């Protein structure tokens, strides 16, 4: 495999990242997203949300193979799934053709450094309970289960459980 190039995402990446995420959405079963993204929506949701810390891209041979975003927890989020303001939220997406090649771990090296630099205390990864690959991935990065959200509706009304994992930023 070609070398993995890790870099900060830029607005010009939005369409390519949307296409990558849309493939994952179309396959189904791993992300809570059900509706496709276009470039502007992806830019607002992952590259430059109001509480953004970082968004990192992995390229292999000039092709975007994955991306990872990190943003602050919203201290005004209502309900039982709110988190402390000094926690960050992570989202990871890797093209199916590149999974199992270290892309996610390479991305996380940069994301963890961004969390440390920003002063985050803990990173939360909330994953669909049926996403065994995602659960195993975050466990391999040192995340541990701390909660389970039961019967959370997706945008189409389907109820799914979500496993909440956390990792202290200090290690």
Protein backbone atom coordinates (compact mmCIF):
# COMPACT_ATOMS: atom_id res chain seq x y z
CA UNK A 1 0.00 0.00 0.00
CA UNK A 2 1.13 3.53 -0.69
CA UNK A 3 2.18 5.75 2.16
CA UNK A 4 -0.59 7.33 4.22
CA UNK A 5 -0.51 11.13 4.13
CA UNK A 6 -2.29 12.76 7.08
CA UNK A 7 -3.20 16.43 6.82
CA UNK A 8 -5.72 18.99 8.01
CA UNK A 9 -8.95 19.00 6.05
CA UNK A 10 -9.61 22.11 3.96
CA UNK A 11 -12.91 23.43 2.60
CA UNK A 12 -11.98 22.21 -0.89
CA UNK A 13 -12.15 18.63 0.49
CA UNK A 14 -15.84 18.88 1.34
CA UNK A 15 -17.22 17.29 -1.85
CA UNK A 16 -14.76 14.36 -1.71
CA UNK A 17 -15.46 13.78 1.98
CA UNK A 18 -19.20 13.89 1.30
CA UNK A 19 -18.78 11.26 -1.42
CA UNK A 20 -16.81 9.02 0.97
CA UNK A 21 -19.40 9.41 3.73
CA UNK A 22 -22.25 8.83 1.28
CA UNK A 23 -20.76 5.45 0.33
CA UNK A 24 -20.79 4.49 4.02
CA UNK A 25 -24.37 5.73 4.42
CA UNK A 26 -25.46 3.79 1.32
CA UNK A 27 -23.91 0.57 2.64
CA UNK A 28 -25.82 1.10 5.91
CA UNK A 29 -25.56 -0.26 9.42
CA UNK A 30 -22.55 1.59 10.78
CA UNK A 31 -23.35 5.30 10.90
CA UNK A 32 -26.30 7.07 12.47
CA UNK A 33 -26.52 9.17 9.29
CA UNK A 34 -29.16 8.01 6.84
CA UNK A 35 -29.39 11.03 4.54
CA UNK A 36 -26.66 11.79 2.00
CA UNK A 37 -24.36 14.78 2.42
CA UNK A 38 -23.43 17.38 -0.15
CA UNK A 39 -20.28 19.47 0.15
CA UNK A 40 -21.82 22.43 2.01
CA UNK A 41 -23.58 20.19 4.55
CA UNK A 42 -20.41 18.21 5.17
CA UNK A 43 -18.42 21.44 5.56
CA UNK A 44 -20.87 22.69 8.19
CA UNK A 45 -21.21 19.35 10.00
CA UNK A 46 -17.63 18.06 10.09
CA UNK A 47 -15.06 20.52 8.71
CA UNK A 48 -16.26 23.72 10.34
CA UNK A 49 -19.02 23.15 12.90
CA UNK A 50 -19.45 25.87 15.55
CA UNK A 51 -17.53 23.86 18.19
CA UNK A 52 -14.81 22.49 15.87
CA UNK A 53 -11.41 21.43 17.19
CA UNK A 54 -10.04 19.63 14.13
CA UNK A 55 -10.85 17.68 11.00
CA UNK A 56 -8.11 15.50 9.56
CA UNK A 57 -7.90 13.72 6.21
CA UNK A 58 -5.97 10.59 5.22
CA UNK A 59 -4.79 10.30 1.64
CA UNK A 60 -3.31 7.22 0.00
CA UNK A 61 -1.85 7.65 -3.46
CA UNK A 62 -3.63 10.99 -3.82
CA UNK A 63 -7.04 9.47 -2.95
CA UNK A 64 -8.90 10.51 0.18
CA UNK A 65 -9.17 7.27 2.16
CA UNK A 66 -10.76 8.60 5.34
CA UNK A 67 -11.33 11.50 7.68
CA UNK A 68 -11.78 12.12 11.37
CA UNK A 69 -13.40 15.10 13.05
CA UNK A 70 -13.22 16.34 16.61
CA UNK A 71 -15.42 18.96 18.21
CA UNK A 72 -16.24 20.20 21.67
CA UNK A 73 -19.21 18.78 23.49
CA UNK A 74 -22.09 21.23 23.47
CA UNK A 75 -22.66 22.17 27.14
CA UNK A 76 -26.21 23.27 26.22
CA UNK A 77 -27.19 19.89 24.70
CA UNK A 78 -30.41 18.83 26.42
CA UNK A 79 -31.17 15.41 27.77
CA UNK A 80 -29.46 12.46 29.39
CA UNK A 81 -26.74 12.22 26.74
CA UNK A 82 -25.19 15.63 27.44
CA UNK A 83 -21.48 15.68 28.29
CA UNK A 84 -19.17 18.00 30.23
CA UNK A 85 -17.96 21.06 28.33
CA UNK A 86 -14.31 19.90 28.48
CA UNK A 87 -15.09 16.69 26.57
CA UNK A 88 -14.63 16.36 22.82
CA UNK A 89 -16.65 14.26 20.37
CA UNK A 90 -14.96 12.19 17.68
CA UNK A 91 -16.30 10.85 14.39
CA UNK A 92 -14.28 8.60 12.07
CA UNK A 93 -14.98 7.50 8.52
CA UNK A 94 -12.76 5.29 6.37
CA UNK A 95 -13.52 4.18 2.82
CA UNK A 96 -14.37 0.45 2.78
CA UNK A 97 -11.56 -0.16 0.26
CA UNK A 98 -9.02 1.14 2.78
CA UNK A 99 -10.29 -0.33 6.05
CA UNK A 100 -7.92 -2.48 8.09
CA UNK A 101 -4.81 -0.70 6.80
CA UNK A 102 -4.08 1.64 9.70
CA UNK A 103 -5.87 4.69 8.28
CA UNK A 104 -7.99 5.27 11.39
CA UNK A 105 -5.04 4.88 13.75
CA UNK A 106 -2.96 7.29 11.68
CA UNK A 107 -5.80 9.81 11.78
CA UNK A 108 -6.17 9.36 15.54
CA UNK A 109 -2.54 10.29 16.18
CA UNK A 110 -3.29 13.78 14.79
CA UNK A 111 -6.72 13.96 16.41
CA UNK A 112 -5.35 13.07 19.84
CA UNK A 113 -2.66 15.75 19.48
CA UNK A 114 -5.37 18.27 18.54
CA UNK A 115 -7.43 17.29 21.60
CA UNK A 116 -4.39 17.68 23.86
CA UNK A 117 -3.50 21.04 22.32
CA UNK A 118 -7.08 22.29 22.73
CA UNK A 119 -7.17 21.24 26.40
CA UNK A 120 -9.85 18.58 26.12
CA UNK A 121 -10.04 16.26 29.13
CA UNK A 122 -11.76 13.31 27.49
CA UNK A 123 -12.90 12.15 24.02
CA UNK A 124 -16.30 10.53 23.52
CA UNK A 125 -17.04 8.11 20.70
CA UNK A 126 -20.71 7.19 20.45
CA UNK A 127 -21.18 4.22 18.13
CA UNK A 128 -24.17 2.23 16.91
CA UNK A 129 -24.25 -0.95 18.99
CA UNK A 130 -24.37 -3.10 15.86
CA UNK A 131 -21.21 -1.55 14.41
CA UNK A 132 -18.79 -4.22 15.60
CA UNK A 133 -15.95 -2.87 13.47
CA UNK A 134 -16.34 0.64 14.88
CA UNK A 135 -16.55 -0.65 18.45
CA UNK A 136 -13.39 -2.74 17.98
CA UNK A 137 -11.59 0.18 16.32
CA UNK A 138 -12.18 2.56 19.21
CA UNK A 139 -11.29 -0.13 21.75
CA UNK A 140 -7.97 -0.62 19.90
CA UNK A 141 -7.28 3.11 20.43
CA UNK A 142 -7.72 2.82 24.19
CA UNK A 143 -11.38 3.82 24.45
CA UNK A 144 -13.50 2.04 27.05
CA UNK A 145 -17.27 1.64 27.37
CA UNK A 146 -18.91 3.93 29.89
CA UNK A 147 -22.58 4.06 28.91
CA UNK A 148 -25.23 2.69 26.58
CA UNK A 149 -28.03 4.75 25.10
CA UNK A 150 -31.04 2.54 24.42
CA UNK A 151 -33.60 2.87 21.65
CA UNK A 152 -32.30 6.09 20.11
CA UNK A 153 -34.28 6.87 16.94
CA UNK A 154 -32.50 7.36 13.64
CA UNK A 155 -33.94 9.97 11.26
CA UNK A 156 -36.29 7.32 9.78
CA UNK A 157 -37.59 6.34 13.21
CA UNK A 158 -35.61 3.08 13.50
CA UNK A 159 -34.59 2.53 17.12
CA UNK A 160 -30.96 1.59 17.75
CA UNK A 161 -28.77 1.33 20.80
CA UNK A 162 -25.57 3.34 20.91
CA UNK A 163 -22.49 2.44 22.89
CA UNK A 164 -20.60 5.34 24.43
CA UNK A 165 -16.86 4.95 24.74
CA UNK A 166 -14.39 7.39 26.22
CA UNK A 167 -10.68 7.96 26.30
CA UNK A 168 -8.84 10.28 28.62
CA UNK A 169 -6.77 12.66 26.56
CA UNK A 170 -3.77 12.33 28.86
CA UNK A 171 -3.40 8.69 27.90
